[in-house]
Amino acid sequence: MSLAVKEKTTVRLVFFGAAGVGKTALIQRFLQDKFDPKYKRTVEELHSIENVIDGVKIKIEIMDTSGSYSFPAMKKLCIRNSDAFALVYSIDDPESFEEVRRLRDEVLEIKEDKCTPIVVVGNSYG
């Protein structure tokens, strides 16, 4: 098996969920192995990492969203341009789980593909 890089692929993973459920904290823990207990409101941030898997260079773009969704057209565009979704809720907030249900339905409707990769994450933040 050759270790030469064959091609480059970009995958966009979006974190959706209500404000304050810990989306940014999860992303920071994954990317930087750090945790900041102070809540800071996120507008929107795009992080990027690269890995080589089976000789293929994979660029993973991780989109951290605000949770307020003030601009529905922008959210729809974000869904259309993304490949996979992490839907985050707080295990202490049942309404945030209901938001995840709504977001899942919206993603499936916009993507028109029942095979869209979606993971639901129950988080305990704070």
N, C-alpha and C. Protein backbone atom coordinates (compact mmCIF):
# COMPACT_ATOMS: atom_id res chain seq x y z
N MET A 1 0.84 -1.19 0.00
CA MET A 1 0.00 0.00 0.00
C MET A 1 0.88 1.25 0.00
N SER A 2 0.62 2.14 -0.88
CA SER A 2 1.39 3.36 -1.02
C SER A 2 0.93 4.41 -0.02
N LEU A 3 1.87 5.16 0.52
CA LEU A 3 1.54 6.25 1.43
C LEU A 3 1.42 7.58 0.70
N ALA A 4 1.57 7.57 -0.60
CA ALA A 4 1.46 8.81 -1.38
C ALA A 4 0.03 9.34 -1.32
N VAL A 5 -0.07 10.66 -1.26
CA VAL A 5 -1.39 11.30 -1.22
C VAL A 5 -2.01 11.22 -2.61
N LYS A 6 -3.22 10.66 -2.70
CA LYS A 6 -3.87 10.44 -3.99
C LYS A 6 -4.69 11.64 -4.46
N GLU A 7 -5.43 12.24 -3.57
CA GLU A 7 -6.31 13.34 -3.94
C GLU A 7 -6.63 14.14 -2.68
N LYS A 8 -7.29 15.25 -2.87
CA LYS A 8 -7.69 16.07 -1.73
C LYS A 8 -9.20 16.22 -1.74
N THR A 9 -9.80 15.99 -0.60
CA THR A 9 -11.24 16.09 -0.46
C THR A 9 -11.55 17.02 0.71
N THR A 10 -12.58 17.84 0.54
CA THR A 10 -13.03 18.73 1.61
C THR A 10 -14.41 18.28 2.09
N VAL A 11 -14.54 18.21 3.40
CA VAL A 11 -15.80 17.84 4.03
C VAL A 11 -16.16 18.94 5.02
N ARG A 12 -17.40 19.43 4.95
CA ARG A 12 -17.84 20.46 5.89
C ARG A 12 -18.80 19.85 6.90
N LEU A 13 -18.44 19.99 8.18
CA LEU A 13 -19.25 19.52 9.30
C LEU A 13 -19.78 20.74 10.04
N VAL A 14 -21.10 20.81 10.20
CA VAL A 14 -21.72 21.95 10.87
C VAL A 14 -22.27 21.52 12.22
N PHE A 15 -22.00 22.34 13.23
CA PHE A 15 -22.57 22.14 14.56
C PHE A 15 -23.76 23.07 14.70
N PHE A 16 -24.95 22.48 14.88
CA PHE A 16 -26.18 23.23 15.11
C PHE A 16 -26.71 22.89 16.49
N GLY A 17 -27.46 23.81 17.06
CA GLY A 17 -28.12 23.60 18.35
C GLY A 17 -28.49 24.95 18.93
N ALA A 18 -29.31 24.92 19.97
CA ALA A 18 -29.73 26.16 20.62
C ALA A 18 -28.51 26.89 21.20
N ALA A 19 -28.66 28.17 21.43
CA ALA A 19 -27.59 28.97 22.03
C ALA A 19 -27.29 28.44 23.43
N GLY A 20 -26.01 28.34 23.76
CA GLY A 20 -25.60 27.99 25.10
C GLY A 20 -25.56 26.51 25.43
N VAL A 21 -25.69 25.63 24.43
CA VAL A 21 -25.68 24.19 24.73
C VAL A 21 -24.26 23.59 24.72
N GLY A 22 -23.27 24.37 24.32
CA GLY A 22 -21.89 23.91 24.38
C GLY A 22 -21.27 23.49 23.05
N LYS A 23 -21.80 24.00 21.95
CA LYS A 23 -21.24 23.66 20.63
C LYS A 23 -19.77 24.09 20.54
N THR A 24 -19.50 25.32 20.91
CA THR A 24 -18.13 25.85 20.84
C THR A 24 -17.21 25.08 21.77
N ALA A 25 -17.70 24.74 22.96
CA ALA A 25 -16.88 24.00 23.93
C ALA A 25 -16.49 22.63 23.37
N LEU A 26 -17.42 21.95 22.71
CA LEU A 26 -17.11 20.65 22.11
C LEU A 26 -16.06 20.79 21.01
N ILE A 27 -16.22 21.80 20.17
CA ILE A 27 -15.27 22.02 19.08
C ILE A 27 -13.89 22.36 19.62
N GLN A 28 -13.82 23.24 20.62
CA GLN A 28 -12.53 23.61 21.22
C GLN A 28 -11.86 22.41 21.86
N ARG A 29 -12.64 21.56 22.52
CA ARG A 29 -12.08 20.36 23.15
C ARG A 29 -11.48 19.45 22.08
N PHE A 30 -12.18 19.29 20.96
CA PHE A 30 -11.69 18.43 19.88
C PHE A 30 -10.45 19.01 19.21
N LEU A 31 -10.48 20.29 18.87
CA LEU A 31 -9.39 20.90 18.11
C LEU A 31 -8.17 21.24 18.96
N GLN A 32 -8.40 21.71 20.20
CA GLN A 32 -7.30 22.24 21.00
C GLN A 32 -7.12 21.54 22.33
N ASP A 33 -7.98 20.56 22.61
CA ASP A 33 -7.96 19.83 23.88
C ASP A 33 -7.98 20.79 25.07
N LYS A 34 -8.85 21.82 24.97
CA LYS A 34 -9.00 22.75 26.08
C LYS A 34 -10.48 23.01 26.33
N PHE A 35 -10.77 23.46 27.54
CA PHE A 35 -12.15 23.78 27.92
C PHE A 35 -12.16 25.12 28.63
N ASP A 36 -12.98 26.04 28.15
CA ASP A 36 -13.15 27.35 28.77
C ASP A 36 -14.56 27.40 29.34
N PRO A 37 -14.70 27.40 30.66
CA PRO A 37 -16.04 27.35 31.27
C PRO A 37 -16.84 28.64 31.10
N LYS A 38 -16.19 29.73 30.68
CA LYS A 38 -16.92 31.00 30.49
C LYS A 38 -17.67 30.98 29.17
N TYR A 39 -18.95 31.29 29.21
CA TYR A 39 -19.78 31.31 28.00
C TYR A 39 -19.52 32.59 27.22
N LYS A 40 -19.16 32.42 25.95
CA LYS A 40 -18.99 33.55 25.03
C LYS A 40 -19.86 33.26 23.82
N ARG A 41 -20.73 34.17 23.52
CA ARG A 41 -21.65 33.99 22.39
C ARG A 41 -20.87 33.92 21.06
N THR A 42 -21.20 32.96 20.24
CA THR A 42 -20.55 32.78 18.94
C THR A 42 -21.43 33.37 17.85
N VAL A 43 -20.82 34.11 16.94
CA VAL A 43 -21.55 34.59 15.77
C VAL A 43 -21.52 33.47 14.74
N GLU A 44 -20.36 33.15 14.24
CA GLU A 44 -20.14 32.01 13.36
C GLU A 44 -18.64 31.91 13.16
N GLU A 45 -18.11 30.72 13.31
CA GLU A 45 -16.68 30.51 13.14
C GLU A 45 -16.44 29.28 12.29
N LEU A 46 -15.44 29.36 11.42
CA LEU A 46 -15.08 28.22 10.59
C LEU A 46 -13.66 27.79 10.96
N HIS A 47 -13.53 26.54 11.36
CA HIS A 47 -12.23 25.95 11.71
C HIS A 47 -11.87 24.93 10.64
N SER A 48 -10.59 24.71 10.44
CA SER A 48 -10.16 23.79 9.40
C SER A 48 -9.01 22.93 9.90
N ILE A 49 -9.10 21.62 9.62
CA ILE A 49 -8.00 20.70 9.93
C ILE A 49 -7.80 19.80 8.73
N GLU A 50 -6.60 19.24 8.62
CA GLU A 50 -6.31 18.31 7.52
C GLU A 50 -5.75 17.02 8.09
N ASN A 51 -6.17 15.90 7.51
CA ASN A 51 -5.67 14.58 7.85
C ASN A 51 -5.48 13.80 6.57
N VAL A 52 -4.59 12.81 6.61
CA VAL A 52 -4.44 11.88 5.50
C VAL A 52 -5.00 10.54 5.96
N ILE A 53 -6.00 10.04 5.23
CA ILE A 53 -6.64 8.77 5.56
C ILE A 53 -6.57 7.89 4.32
N ASP A 54 -5.93 6.74 4.45
CA ASP A 54 -5.76 5.82 3.32
C ASP A 54 -5.20 6.53 2.09
N GLY A 55 -4.23 7.40 2.30
CA GLY A 55 -3.57 8.08 1.20
C GLY A 55 -4.33 9.25 0.61
N VAL A 56 -5.47 9.58 1.20
CA VAL A 56 -6.27 10.70 0.71
C VAL A 56 -6.19 11.84 1.71
N LYS A 57 -5.80 13.01 1.22
CA LYS A 57 -5.76 14.18 2.10
C LYS A 57 -7.18 14.71 2.26
N ILE A 58 -7.65 14.73 3.49
CA ILE A 58 -9.00 15.18 3.81
C ILE A 58 -8.91 16.50 4.57
N LYS A 59 -9.58 17.51 4.04
CA LYS A 59 -9.70 18.79 4.74
C LYS A 59 -11.08 18.79 5.38
N ILE A 60 -11.10 18.95 6.69
CA ILE A 60 -12.37 19.00 7.42
C ILE A 60 -12.60 20.43 7.87
N GLU A 61 -13.68 21.02 7.37
CA GLU A 61 -14.09 22.36 7.80
C GLU A 61 -15.18 22.18 8.84
N ILE A 62 -14.96 22.76 10.01
CA ILE A 62 -15.93 22.65 11.10
C ILE A 62 -16.56 24.01 11.31
N MET A 63 -17.86 24.10 11.06
CA MET A 63 -18.60 25.35 11.20
C MET A 63 -19.28 25.39 12.57
N ASP A 64 -18.94 26.40 13.34
CA ASP A 64 -19.54 26.63 14.65
C ASP A 64 -20.59 27.73 14.48
N THR A 65 -21.85 27.40 14.73
CA THR A 65 -22.94 28.36 14.51
C THR A 65 -23.39 28.98 15.82
N SER A 66 -24.15 30.06 15.72
CA SER A 66 -24.55 30.84 16.89
C SER A 66 -25.68 30.22 17.69
N GLY A 67 -26.59 29.56 17.03
CA GLY A 67 -27.76 29.03 17.73
C GLY A 67 -28.93 29.98 17.71
N SER A 68 -28.73 31.22 17.26
CA SER A 68 -29.85 32.17 17.23
C SER A 68 -30.56 32.18 15.88
N TYR A 69 -29.84 31.88 14.80
CA TYR A 69 -30.42 31.77 13.47
C TYR A 69 -31.25 32.99 13.09
N SER A 70 -30.67 34.16 13.25
CA SER A 70 -31.35 35.42 12.93
C SER A 70 -31.65 35.56 11.44
N PHE A 71 -30.89 34.86 10.62
CA PHE A 71 -31.05 34.98 9.17
C PHE A 71 -31.35 33.60 8.58
N PRO A 72 -32.64 33.24 8.45
CA PRO A 72 -33.02 31.91 7.95
C PRO A 72 -32.42 31.56 6.59
N ALA A 73 -32.28 32.54 5.71
CA ALA A 73 -31.71 32.27 4.39
C ALA A 73 -30.25 31.84 4.51
N MET A 74 -29.52 32.44 5.44
CA MET A 74 -28.13 32.06 5.66
C MET A 74 -28.03 30.65 6.22
N LYS A 75 -28.96 30.30 7.11
CA LYS A 75 -28.95 28.94 7.68
C LYS A 75 -29.21 27.92 6.57
N LYS A 76 -30.17 28.20 5.69
CA LYS A 76 -30.46 27.28 4.59
C LYS A 76 -29.25 27.12 3.67
N LEU A 77 -28.57 28.22 3.38
CA LEU A 77 -27.38 28.17 2.54
C LEU A 77 -26.30 27.32 3.22
N CYS A 78 -26.15 27.51 4.52
CA CYS A 78 -25.17 26.74 5.29
C CYS A 78 -25.49 25.25 5.20
N ILE A 79 -26.76 24.88 5.33
CA ILE A 79 -27.16 23.48 5.24
C ILE A 79 -26.88 22.93 3.85
N ARG A 80 -27.24 23.68 2.83
CA ARG A 80 -27.02 23.23 1.44
C ARG A 80 -25.54 22.97 1.15
N ASN A 81 -24.67 23.82 1.72
CA ASN A 81 -23.24 23.75 1.43
C ASN A 81 -22.46 22.84 2.38
N SER A 82 -23.15 22.10 3.22
CA SER A 82 -22.48 21.26 4.21
C SER A 82 -22.71 19.78 3.92
N ASP A 83 -21.80 18.96 4.45
CA ASP A 83 -21.83 17.53 4.17
C ASP A 83 -22.33 16.69 5.34
N ALA A 84 -22.08 17.15 6.55
CA ALA A 84 -22.45 16.38 7.74
C ALA A 84 -22.83 17.35 8.85
N PHE A 85 -23.60 16.84 9.82
CA PHE A 85 -24.17 17.72 10.84
C PHE A 85 -24.07 17.09 12.22
N ALA A 86 -23.66 17.91 13.19
CA ALA A 86 -23.70 17.54 14.60
C ALA A 86 -24.77 18.43 15.24
N LEU A 87 -25.82 17.81 15.74
CA LEU A 87 -26.93 18.53 16.37
C LEU A 87 -26.78 18.38 17.87
N VAL A 88 -26.52 19.50 18.55
CA VAL A 88 -26.16 19.48 19.96
C VAL A 88 -27.30 20.02 20.81
N TYR A 89 -27.58 19.30 21.92
CA TYR A 89 -28.57 19.77 22.89
C TYR A 89 -27.99 19.63 24.29
N SER A 90 -28.57 20.34 25.23
CA SER A 90 -28.17 20.24 26.63
C SER A 90 -29.03 19.19 27.32
N ILE A 91 -28.40 18.26 28.02
CA ILE A 91 -29.17 17.22 28.71
C ILE A 91 -30.01 17.81 29.84
N ASP A 92 -29.72 19.05 30.21
CA ASP A 92 -30.47 19.73 31.28
C ASP A 92 -31.60 20.61 30.74
N ASP A 93 -31.77 20.65 29.42
CA ASP A 93 -32.75 21.56 28.81
C ASP A 93 -33.58 20.82 27.75
N PRO A 94 -34.77 20.33 28.13
CA PRO A 94 -35.61 19.59 27.18
C PRO A 94 -35.96 20.40 25.93
N GLU A 95 -36.09 21.71 26.06
CA GLU A 95 -36.43 22.54 24.89
C GLU A 95 -35.29 22.51 23.86
N SER A 96 -34.05 22.39 24.33
CA SER A 96 -32.93 22.32 23.38
C SER A 96 -32.98 21.01 22.58
N PHE A 97 -33.53 19.95 23.18
CA PHE A 97 -33.71 18.70 22.43
C PHE A 97 -34.80 18.86 21.37
N GLU A 98 -35.85 19.58 21.71
CA GLU A 98 -36.90 19.85 20.72
C GLU A 98 -36.34 20.67 19.56
N GLU A 99 -35.43 21.59 19.86
CA GLU A 99 -34.77 22.36 18.80
C GLU A 99 -33.97 21.43 17.88
N VAL A 100 -33.31 20.44 18.46
CA VAL A 100 -32.56 19.46 17.66
C VAL A 100 -33.50 18.71 16.72
N ARG A 101 -34.69 18.36 17.22
CA ARG A 101 -35.67 17.68 16.35
C ARG A 101 -36.06 18.56 15.17
N ARG A 102 -36.30 19.85 15.45
CA ARG A 102 -36.66 20.78 14.38
C ARG A 102 -35.51 20.94 13.38
N LEU A 103 -34.30 21.06 13.91
CA LEU A 103 -33.13 21.20 13.04
C LEU A 103 -32.94 19.97 12.17
N ARG A 104 -33.11 18.79 12.74
CA ARG A 104 -32.97 17.55 11.97
C ARG A 104 -33.97 17.53 10.81
N ASP A 105 -35.21 17.86 11.10
CA ASP A 105 -36.23 17.89 10.06
C ASP A 105 -35.87 18.89 8.96
N GLU A 106 -35.36 20.05 9.38
CA GLU A 106 -34.99 21.08 8.40
C GLU A 106 -33.82 20.63 7.52
N VAL A 107 -32.82 20.02 8.15
CA VAL A 107 -31.67 19.52 7.39
C VAL A 107 -32.12 18.48 6.36
N LEU A 108 -32.94 17.52 6.79
CA LEU A 108 -33.39 16.48 5.87
C LEU A 108 -34.25 17.04 4.74
N GLU A 109 -35.05 18.04 5.05
CA GLU A 109 -35.88 18.66 4.01
C GLU A 109 -35.03 19.39 2.97
N ILE A 110 -34.07 20.17 3.45
CA ILE A 110 -33.23 20.96 2.54
C ILE A 110 -32.27 20.06 1.74
N LYS A 111 -31.70 19.07 2.39
CA LYS A 111 -30.74 18.19 1.71
C LYS A 111 -31.44 17.19 0.78
N GLU A 112 -32.73 16.98 0.99
CA GLU A 112 -33.50 16.04 0.17
C GLU A 112 -32.81 14.68 0.07
N ASP A 113 -32.20 14.26 1.19
CA ASP A 113 -31.43 13.02 1.19
C ASP A 113 -31.52 12.41 2.58
N LYS A 114 -32.19 11.32 2.70
CA LYS A 114 -32.33 10.66 4.01
C LYS A 114 -31.03 10.04 4.49
N CYS A 115 -30.00 10.00 3.64
CA CYS A 115 -28.71 9.42 4.03
C CYS A 115 -27.71 10.49 4.47
N THR A 116 -28.17 11.70 4.70
CA THR A 116 -27.29 12.77 5.16
C THR A 116 -26.73 12.41 6.53
N PRO A 117 -25.39 12.44 6.71
CA PRO A 117 -24.81 12.09 8.00
C PRO A 117 -25.18 13.12 9.08
N ILE A 118 -25.86 12.65 10.11
CA ILE A 118 -26.27 13.49 11.24
C ILE A 118 -25.97 12.73 12.52
N VAL A 119 -25.33 13.40 13.46
CA VAL A 119 -25.12 12.83 14.78
C VAL A 119 -25.77 13.76 15.79
N VAL A 120 -26.46 13.19 16.77
CA VAL A 120 -27.10 13.97 17.83
C VAL A 120 -26.23 13.83 19.07
N VAL A 121 -25.88 14.98 19.67
CA VAL A 121 -24.97 15.00 20.81
C VAL A 121 -25.68 15.59 22.02
N GLY A 122 -25.80 14.80 23.08
CA GLY A 122 -26.32 15.31 24.35
C GLY A 122 -25.14 15.80 25.17
N ASN A 123 -25.15 17.05 25.56
CA ASN A 123 -24.01 17.68 26.22
C ASN A 123 -24.41 18.20 27.59
N SER A 124 -23.47 18.14 28.51
CA SER A 124 -23.64 18.75 29.83
C SER A 124 -22.61 19.86 29.90
N TYR A 125 -23.06 21.08 29.75
CA TYR A 125 -22.14 22.21 29.65
C TYR A 125 -22.30 23.13 30.85
N GLY A 126 -21.20 23.48 31.45
CA GLY A 126 -21.23 24.45 32.54
C GLY A 126 -21.07 23.85 33.89
